[in-house]
Amino acid sequence: MMLTLTIEQNNREAFDIQVPSEQRIGDTIQVLYENNLIDMAQDIKESIVWSVREHIQLNLEYSYEQNRIYTADILKIC
């Protein structure tokens, strides 16, 4: 199933993406970084991603399904 999510980062304008629910969150972060859509000052594996809806830090090794992320959630990248 495809999810539509909003990505937020302090120094960037928020934007929406569509991802498969079985994709690992770390893979999404890697693609966003490689396409210059997000900034990273450190190793991507050390990135912190928060679910605004759930108020939890997400495990980058897990898929969206495993992290219980659903359409319309906002992911905050720190």
PDB file of N, CA and C in Angstrom:
ATOM      1  N   MET A   1       0.844  -1.164   0.000  1.00  0.00           N
ATOM      2  CA  MET A   1       0.000   0.000   0.000  1.00  0.00           C
ATOM      3  C   MET A   1       0.899   1.239   0.000  1.00  0.00           C
ATOM      4  N   MET A   2       0.518   2.245  -0.751  1.00  0.00           N
ATOM      5  CA  MET A   2       1.269   3.501  -0.807  1.00  0.00           C
ATOM      6  C   MET A   2       0.780   4.447   0.289  1.00  0.00           C
ATOM      7  N   LEU A   3       1.728   5.120   0.935  1.00  0.00           N
ATOM      8  CA  LEU A   3       1.431   6.094   1.974  1.00  0.00           C
ATOM      9  C   LEU A   3       1.795   7.487   1.471  1.00  0.00           C
ATOM     10  N   THR A   4       1.031   8.473   1.853  1.00  0.00           N
ATOM     11  CA  THR A   4       1.372   9.867   1.582  1.00  0.00           C
ATOM     12  C   THR A   4       1.720  10.507   2.911  1.00  0.00           C
ATOM     13  N   LEU A   5       2.957  11.020   2.991  1.00  0.00           N
ATOM     14  CA  LEU A   5       3.480  11.576   4.237  1.00  0.00           C
ATOM     15  C   LEU A   5       4.029  12.970   3.996  1.00  0.00           C
ATOM     16  N   THR A   6       4.065  13.761   5.042  1.00  0.00           N
ATOM     17  CA  THR A   6       4.697  15.079   4.979  1.00  0.00           C
ATOM     18  C   THR A   6       6.040  14.985   5.681  1.00  0.00           C
ATOM     19  N   ILE A   7       7.060  15.553   5.047  1.00  0.00           N
ATOM     20  CA  ILE A   7       8.403  15.587   5.611  1.00  0.00           C
ATOM     21  C   ILE A   7       8.689  17.013   6.060  1.00  0.00           C
ATOM     22  N   GLU A   8       9.133  17.153   7.309  1.00  0.00           N
ATOM     23  CA  GLU A   8       9.499  18.460   7.850  1.00  0.00           C
ATOM     24  C   GLU A   8      10.930  18.420   8.352  1.00  0.00           C
ATOM     25  N   GLN A   9      11.640  19.510   8.114  1.00  0.00           N
ATOM     26  CA  GLN A   9      12.972  19.702   8.667  1.00  0.00           C
ATOM     27  C   GLN A   9      13.107  21.186   8.965  1.00  0.00           C
ATOM     28  N   ASN A  10      13.688  21.527  10.096  1.00  0.00           N
ATOM     29  CA  ASN A  10      13.704  22.909  10.577  1.00  0.00           C
ATOM     30  C   ASN A  10      14.090  23.939   9.527  1.00  0.00           C
ATOM     31  N   ASN A  11      15.116  23.686   8.770  1.00  0.00           N
ATOM     32  CA  ASN A  11      15.634  24.683   7.852  1.00  0.00           C
ATOM     33  C   ASN A  11      15.112  24.526   6.417  1.00  0.00           C
ATOM     34  N   ARG A  12      14.121  23.707   6.210  1.00  0.00           N
ATOM     35  CA  ARG A  12      13.569  23.460   4.877  1.00  0.00           C
ATOM     36  C   ARG A  12      12.050  23.580   4.900  1.00  0.00           C
ATOM     37  N   GLU A  13      11.489  23.851   3.732  1.00  0.00           N
ATOM     38  CA  GLU A  13      10.032  23.884   3.600  1.00  0.00           C
ATOM     39  C   GLU A  13       9.487  22.459   3.609  1.00  0.00           C
ATOM     40  N   ALA A  14       8.374  22.242   4.271  1.00  0.00           N
ATOM     41  CA  ALA A  14       7.751  20.910   4.336  1.00  0.00           C
ATOM     42  C   ALA A  14       7.282  20.505   2.945  1.00  0.00           C
ATOM     43  N   PHE A  15       7.323  19.188   2.682  1.00  0.00           N
ATOM     44  CA  PHE A  15       6.867  18.656   1.396  1.00  0.00           C
ATOM     45  C   PHE A  15       6.279  17.274   1.598  1.00  0.00           C
ATOM     46  N   ASP A  16       5.469  16.856   0.655  1.00  0.00           N
ATOM     47  CA  ASP A  16       4.822  15.544   0.714  1.00  0.00           C
ATOM     48  C   ASP A  16       5.560  14.545  -0.157  1.00  0.00           C
ATOM     49  N   ILE A  17       5.542  13.289   0.295  1.00  0.00           N
ATOM     50  CA  ILE A  17       6.100  12.187  -0.487  1.00  0.00           C
ATOM     51  C   ILE A  17       5.118  11.024  -0.463  1.00  0.00           C
ATOM     52  N   GLN A  18       5.295  10.117  -1.411  1.00  0.00           N
ATOM     53  CA  GLN A  18       4.556   8.858  -1.410  1.00  0.00           C
ATOM     54  C   GLN A  18       5.570   7.731  -1.361  1.00  0.00           C
ATOM     55  N   VAL A  19       5.350   6.790  -0.456  1.00  0.00           N
ATOM     56  CA  VAL A  19       6.255   5.664  -0.265  1.00  0.00           C
ATOM     57  C   VAL A  19       5.448   4.386  -0.049  1.00  0.00           C
ATOM     58  N   PRO A  20       6.022   3.231  -0.420  1.00  0.00           N
ATOM     59  CA  PRO A  20       5.356   1.965  -0.100  1.00  0.00           C
ATOM     60  C   PRO A  20       5.433   1.705   1.407  1.00  0.00           C
ATOM     61  N   SER A  21       4.372   1.195   1.970  1.00  0.00           N
ATOM     62  CA  SER A  21       4.322   0.976   3.419  1.00  0.00           C
ATOM     63  C   SER A  21       5.350  -0.047   3.891  1.00  0.00           C
ATOM     64  N   GLU A  22       5.844  -0.908   2.999  1.00  0.00           N
ATOM     65  CA  GLU A  22       6.820  -1.920   3.398  1.00  0.00           C
ATOM     66  C   GLU A  22       8.266  -1.433   3.264  1.00  0.00           C
ATOM     67  N   GLN A  23       8.480  -0.207   2.803  1.00  0.00           N
ATOM     68  CA  GLN A  23       9.826   0.344   2.665  1.00  0.00           C
ATOM     69  C   GLN A  23      10.389   0.717   4.031  1.00  0.00           C
ATOM     70  N   ARG A  24      11.692   0.481   4.206  1.00  0.00           N
ATOM     71  CA  ARG A  24      12.352   0.878   5.454  1.00  0.00           C
ATOM     72  C   ARG A  24      12.485   2.399   5.497  1.00  0.00           C
ATOM     73  N   ILE A  25      12.301   2.974   6.655  1.00  0.00           N
ATOM     74  CA  ILE A  25      12.381   4.423   6.799  1.00  0.00           C
ATOM     75  C   ILE A  25      13.789   4.914   6.486  1.00  0.00           C
ATOM     76  N   GLY A  26      14.791   4.172   6.881  1.00  0.00           N
ATOM     77  CA  GLY A  26      16.171   4.552   6.577  1.00  0.00           C
ATOM     78  C   GLY A  26      16.435   4.654   5.087  1.00  0.00           C
ATOM     79  N   ASP A  27      15.801   3.787   4.306  1.00  0.00           N
ATOM     80  CA  ASP A  27      15.956   3.841   2.843  1.00  0.00           C
ATOM     81  C   ASP A  27      15.353   5.134   2.291  1.00  0.00           C
ATOM     82  N   THR A  28      14.223   5.532   2.833  1.00  0.00           N
ATOM     83  CA  THR A  28      13.599   6.784   2.406  1.00  0.00           C
ATOM     84  C   THR A  28      14.501   7.964   2.729  1.00  0.00           C
ATOM     85  N   ILE A  29      15.050   7.994   3.937  1.00  0.00           N
ATOM     86  CA  ILE A  29      15.938   9.078   4.356  1.00  0.00           C
ATOM     87  C   ILE A  29      17.150   9.151   3.433  1.00  0.00           C
ATOM     88  N   GLN A  30      17.704   8.008   3.088  1.00  0.00           N
ATOM     89  CA  GLN A  30      18.861   7.950   2.182  1.00  0.00           C
ATOM     90  C   GLN A  30      18.514   8.561   0.825  1.00  0.00           C
ATOM     91  N   VAL A  31      17.389   8.189   0.251  1.00  0.00           N
ATOM     92  CA  VAL A  31      16.971   8.712  -1.058  1.00  0.00           C
ATOM     93  C   VAL A  31      16.719  10.218  -0.986  1.00  0.00           C
ATOM     94  N   LEU A  32      16.052  10.682   0.066  1.00  0.00           N
ATOM     95  CA  LEU A  32      15.796  12.119   0.212  1.00  0.00           C
ATOM     96  C   LEU A  32      17.106  12.894   0.313  1.00  0.00           C
ATOM     97  N   TYR A  33      18.072  12.355   1.064  1.00  0.00           N
ATOM     98  CA  TYR A  33      19.374  13.003   1.205  1.00  0.00           C
ATOM     99  C   TYR A  33      20.125  13.026  -0.125  1.00  0.00           C
ATOM    100  N   GLU A  34      20.146  11.894  -0.816  1.00  0.00           N
ATOM    101  CA  GLU A  34      20.859  11.799  -2.098  1.00  0.00           C
ATOM    102  C   GLU A  34      20.275  12.742  -3.149  1.00  0.00           C
ATOM    103  N   ASN A  35      18.989  13.061  -3.025  1.00  0.00           N
ATOM    104  CA  ASN A  35      18.342  13.965  -3.969  1.00  0.00           C
ATOM    105  C   ASN A  35      18.284  15.407  -3.446  1.00  0.00           C
ATOM    106  N   ASN A  36      19.064  15.667  -2.390  1.00  0.00           N
ATOM    107  CA  ASN A  36      19.196  17.014  -1.812  1.00  0.00           C
ATOM    108  C   ASN A  36      17.858  17.596  -1.351  1.00  0.00           C
ATOM    109  N   LEU A  37      16.973  16.751  -0.869  1.00  0.00           N
ATOM    110  CA  LEU A  37      15.685  17.203  -0.351  1.00  0.00           C
ATOM    111  C   LEU A  37      15.711  17.425   1.155  1.00  0.00           C
ATOM    112  N   ILE A  38      16.718  16.855   1.825  1.00  0.00           N
ATOM    113  CA  ILE A  38      16.916  17.078   3.252  1.00  0.00           C
ATOM    114  C   ILE A  38      18.399  17.310   3.498  1.00  0.00           C
ATOM    115  N   ASP A  39      18.717  17.946   4.607  1.00  0.00           N
ATOM    116  CA  ASP A  39      20.099  18.175   5.015  1.00  0.00           C
ATOM    117  C   ASP A  39      20.478  17.167   6.087  1.00  0.00           C
ATOM    118  N   MET A  40      21.730  16.743   6.049  1.00  0.00           N
ATOM    119  CA  MET A  40      22.253  15.867   7.081  1.00  0.00           C
ATOM    120  C   MET A  40      23.657  16.339   7.420  1.00  0.00           C
ATOM    121  N   ALA A  41      23.908  16.617   8.687  1.00  0.00           N
ATOM    122  CA  ALA A  41      25.229  17.025   9.126  1.00  0.00           C
ATOM    123  C   ALA A  41      26.025  15.839   9.656  1.00  0.00           C
ATOM    124  N   GLN A  42      25.389  14.696   9.751  1.00  0.00           N
ATOM    125  CA  GLN A  42      26.012  13.507  10.324  1.00  0.00           C
ATOM    126  C   GLN A  42      25.672  12.293   9.471  1.00  0.00           C
ATOM    127  N   ASP A  43      26.133  11.138   9.906  1.00  0.00           N
ATOM    128  CA  ASP A  43      25.832   9.891   9.223  1.00  0.00           C
ATOM    129  C   ASP A  43      24.325   9.657   9.221  1.00  0.00           C
ATOM    130  N   ILE A  44      23.807   9.204   8.096  1.00  0.00           N
ATOM    131  CA  ILE A  44      22.364   8.982   7.960  1.00  0.00           C
ATOM    132  C   ILE A  44      21.860   7.988   8.996  1.00  0.00           C
ATOM    133  N   LYS A  45      22.676   7.015   9.362  1.00  0.00           N
ATOM    134  CA  LYS A  45      22.257   6.033  10.366  1.00  0.00           C
ATOM    135  C   LYS A  45      22.025   6.668  11.734  1.00  0.00           C
ATOM    136  N   GLU A  46      22.578   7.863  11.937  1.00  0.00           N
ATOM    137  CA  GLU A  46      22.404   8.563  13.205  1.00  0.00           C
ATOM    138  C   GLU A  46      21.251   9.565  13.142  1.00  0.00           C
ATOM    139  N   SER A  47      20.547   9.595  12.037  1.00  0.00           N
ATOM    140  CA  SER A  47      19.419  10.522  11.885  1.00  0.00           C
ATOM    141  C   SER A  47      18.320  10.191  12.881  1.00  0.00           C
ATOM    142  N   ILE A  48      17.621  11.224  13.299  1.00  0.00           N
ATOM    143  CA  ILE A  48      16.490  11.046  14.191  1.00  0.00           C
ATOM    144  C   ILE A  48      15.236  11.457  13.437  1.00  0.00           C
ATOM    145  N   VAL A  49      14.281  10.554  13.382  1.00  0.00           N
ATOM    146  CA  VAL A  49      13.021  10.811  12.688  1.00  0.00           C
ATOM    147  C   VAL A  49      11.884  10.600  13.685  1.00  0.00           C
ATOM    148  N   TRP A  50      11.033  11.614  13.807  1.00  0.00           N
ATOM    149  CA  TRP A  50       9.911  11.577  14.740  1.00  0.00           C
ATOM    150  C   TRP A  50       8.595  11.504  13.992  1.00  0.00           C
ATOM    151  N   SER A  51       7.657  10.755  14.525  1.00  0.00           N
ATOM    152  CA  SER A  51       6.286  10.773  14.034  1.00  0.00           C
ATOM    153  C   SER A  51       5.539  11.826  14.833  1.00  0.00           C
ATOM    154  N   VAL A  52       5.034  12.844  14.152  1.00  0.00           N
ATOM    155  CA  VAL A  52       4.283  13.898  14.836  1.00  0.00           C
ATOM    156  C   VAL A  52       2.963  13.337  15.368  1.00  0.00           C
ATOM    157  N   ARG A  53       2.337  12.446  14.605  1.00  0.00           N
ATOM    158  CA  ARG A  53       1.052  11.869  15.013  1.00  0.00           C
ATOM    159  C   ARG A  53       1.201  10.978  16.240  1.00  0.00           C
ATOM    160  N   GLU A  54       2.207  10.120  16.240  1.00  0.00           N
ATOM    161  CA  GLU A  54       2.406   9.158  17.330  1.00  0.00           C
ATOM    162  C   GLU A  54       3.254   9.716  18.477  1.00  0.00           C
ATOM    163  N   HIS A  55       3.969  10.805  18.236  1.00  0.00           N
ATOM    164  CA  HIS A  55       4.867  11.399  19.237  1.00  0.00           C
ATOM    165  C   HIS A  55       5.942  10.408  19.685  1.00  0.00           C
ATOM    166  N   ILE A  56       6.535   9.709  18.700  1.00  0.00           N
ATOM    167  CA  ILE A  56       7.587   8.745  19.007  1.00  0.00           C
ATOM    168  C   ILE A  56       8.728   8.891  18.007  1.00  0.00           C
ATOM    169  N   GLN A  57       9.917   8.471  18.460  1.00  0.00           N
ATOM    170  CA  GLN A  57      11.056   8.386  17.552  1.00  0.00           C
ATOM    171  C   GLN A  57      10.938   7.071  16.786  1.00  0.00           C
ATOM    172  N   LEU A  58      11.187   7.118  15.477  1.00  0.00           N
ATOM    173  CA  LEU A  58      11.032   5.940  14.641  1.00  0.00           C
ATOM    174  C   LEU A  58      12.338   5.173  14.505  1.00  0.00           C
ATOM    175  N   ASN A  59      12.213   3.863  14.373  1.00  0.00           N
ATOM    176  CA  ASN A  59      13.359   3.000  14.126  1.00  0.00           C
ATOM    177  C   ASN A  59      13.615   2.988  12.624  1.00  0.00           C
ATOM    178  N   LEU A  60      14.781   3.478  12.194  1.00  0.00           N
ATOM    179  CA  LEU A  60      15.095   3.584  10.768  1.00  0.00           C
ATOM    180  C   LEU A  60      15.245   2.228  10.091  1.00  0.00           C
ATOM    181  N   GLU A  61      15.503   1.191  10.863  1.00  0.00           N
ATOM    182  CA  GLU A  61      15.658  -0.155  10.300  1.00  0.00           C
ATOM    183  C   GLU A  61      14.315  -0.829  10.036  1.00  0.00           C
ATOM    184  N   TYR A  62      13.257  -0.277  10.579  1.00  0.00           N
ATOM    185  CA  TYR A  62      11.915  -0.843  10.408  1.00  0.00           C
ATOM    186  C   TYR A  62      11.196  -0.173   9.257  1.00  0.00           C
ATOM    187  N   SER A  63      10.215  -0.879   8.727  1.00  0.00           N
ATOM    188  CA  SER A  63       9.369  -0.315   7.668  1.00  0.00           C
ATOM    189  C   SER A  63       8.346   0.632   8.289  1.00  0.00           C
ATOM    190  N   TYR A  64       7.625   1.324   7.423  1.00  0.00           N
ATOM    191  CA  TYR A  64       6.547   2.188   7.909  1.00  0.00           C
ATOM    192  C   TYR A  64       5.493   1.366   8.643  1.00  0.00           C
ATOM    193  N   GLU A  65       5.179   0.183   8.106  1.00  0.00           N
ATOM    194  CA  GLU A  65       4.199  -0.698   8.757  1.00  0.00           C
ATOM    195  C   GLU A  65       4.670  -1.085  10.155  1.00  0.00           C
ATOM    196  N   GLN A  66       5.936  -1.486  10.269  1.00  0.00           N
ATOM    197  CA  GLN A  66       6.465  -1.921  11.560  1.00  0.00           C
ATOM    198  C   GLN A  66       6.492  -0.783  12.580  1.00  0.00           C
ATOM    199  N   ASN A  67       6.653   0.448  12.111  1.00  0.00           N
ATOM    200  CA  ASN A  67       6.648   1.615  12.989  1.00  0.00           C
ATOM    201  C   ASN A  67       5.244   2.168  13.212  1.00  0.00           C
ATOM    202  N   ARG A  68       4.252   1.543  12.608  1.00  0.00           N
ATOM    203  CA  ARG A  68       2.853   1.975  12.700  1.00  0.00           C
ATOM    204  C   ARG A  68       2.649   3.400  12.178  1.00  0.00           C
ATOM    205  N   ILE A  69       3.219   3.643  10.994  1.00  0.00           N
ATOM    206  CA  ILE A  69       3.076   4.934  10.325  1.00  0.00           C
ATOM    207  C   ILE A  69       2.024   4.782   9.235  1.00  0.00           C
ATOM    208  N   TYR A  70       1.105   5.726   9.192  1.00  0.00           N
ATOM    209  CA  TYR A  70      -0.014   5.667   8.246  1.00  0.00           C
ATOM    210  C   TYR A  70      -0.087   6.955   7.433  1.00  0.00           C
ATOM    211  N   THR A  71      -0.869   6.915   6.362  1.00  0.00           N
ATOM    212  CA  THR A  71      -1.069   8.085   5.512  1.00  0.00           C
ATOM    213  C   THR A  71      -1.470   9.290   6.355  1.00  0.00           C
ATOM    214  N   ALA A  72      -0.962  10.442   5.972  1.00  0.00           N
ATOM    215  CA  ALA A  72      -1.229  11.744   6.581  1.00  0.00           C
ATOM    216  C   ALA A  72      -0.367  12.023   7.800  1.00  0.00           C
ATOM    217  N   ASP A  73       0.544  11.110   8.134  1.00  0.00           N
ATOM    218  CA  ASP A  73       1.453  11.394   9.244  1.00  0.00           C
ATOM    219  C   ASP A  73       2.490  12.432   8.795  1.00  0.00           C
ATOM    220  N   ILE A  74       3.064  13.109   9.742  1.00  0.00           N
ATOM    221  CA  ILE A  74       4.126  14.080   9.485  1.00  0.00           C
ATOM    222  C   ILE A  74       5.392  13.526  10.134  1.00  0.00           C
ATOM    223  N   LEU A  75       6.440  13.403   9.334  1.00  0.00           N
ATOM    224  CA  LEU A  75       7.720  12.928   9.841  1.00  0.00           C
ATOM    225  C   LEU A  75       8.660  14.111   9.997  1.00  0.00           C
ATOM    226  N   LYS A  76       9.158  14.303  11.194  1.00  0.00           N
ATOM    227  CA  LYS A  76      10.066  15.401  11.513  1.00  0.00           C
ATOM    228  C   LYS A  76      11.477  14.835  11.549  1.00  0.00           C
ATOM    229  N   ILE A  77      12.356  15.363  10.696  1.00  0.00           N
ATOM    230  CA  ILE A  77      13.738  14.892  10.619  1.00  0.00           C
ATOM    231  C   ILE A  77      14.633  15.867  11.373  1.00  0.00           C
ATOM    232  N   CYS A  78      15.376  15.327  12.329  1.00  0.00           N
ATOM    233  CA  CYS A  78      16.282  16.161  13.144  1.00  0.00           C
ATOM    234  C   CYS A  78      17.719  15.808  12.837  1.00  0.00           C
TER     235      CYS A  78
END
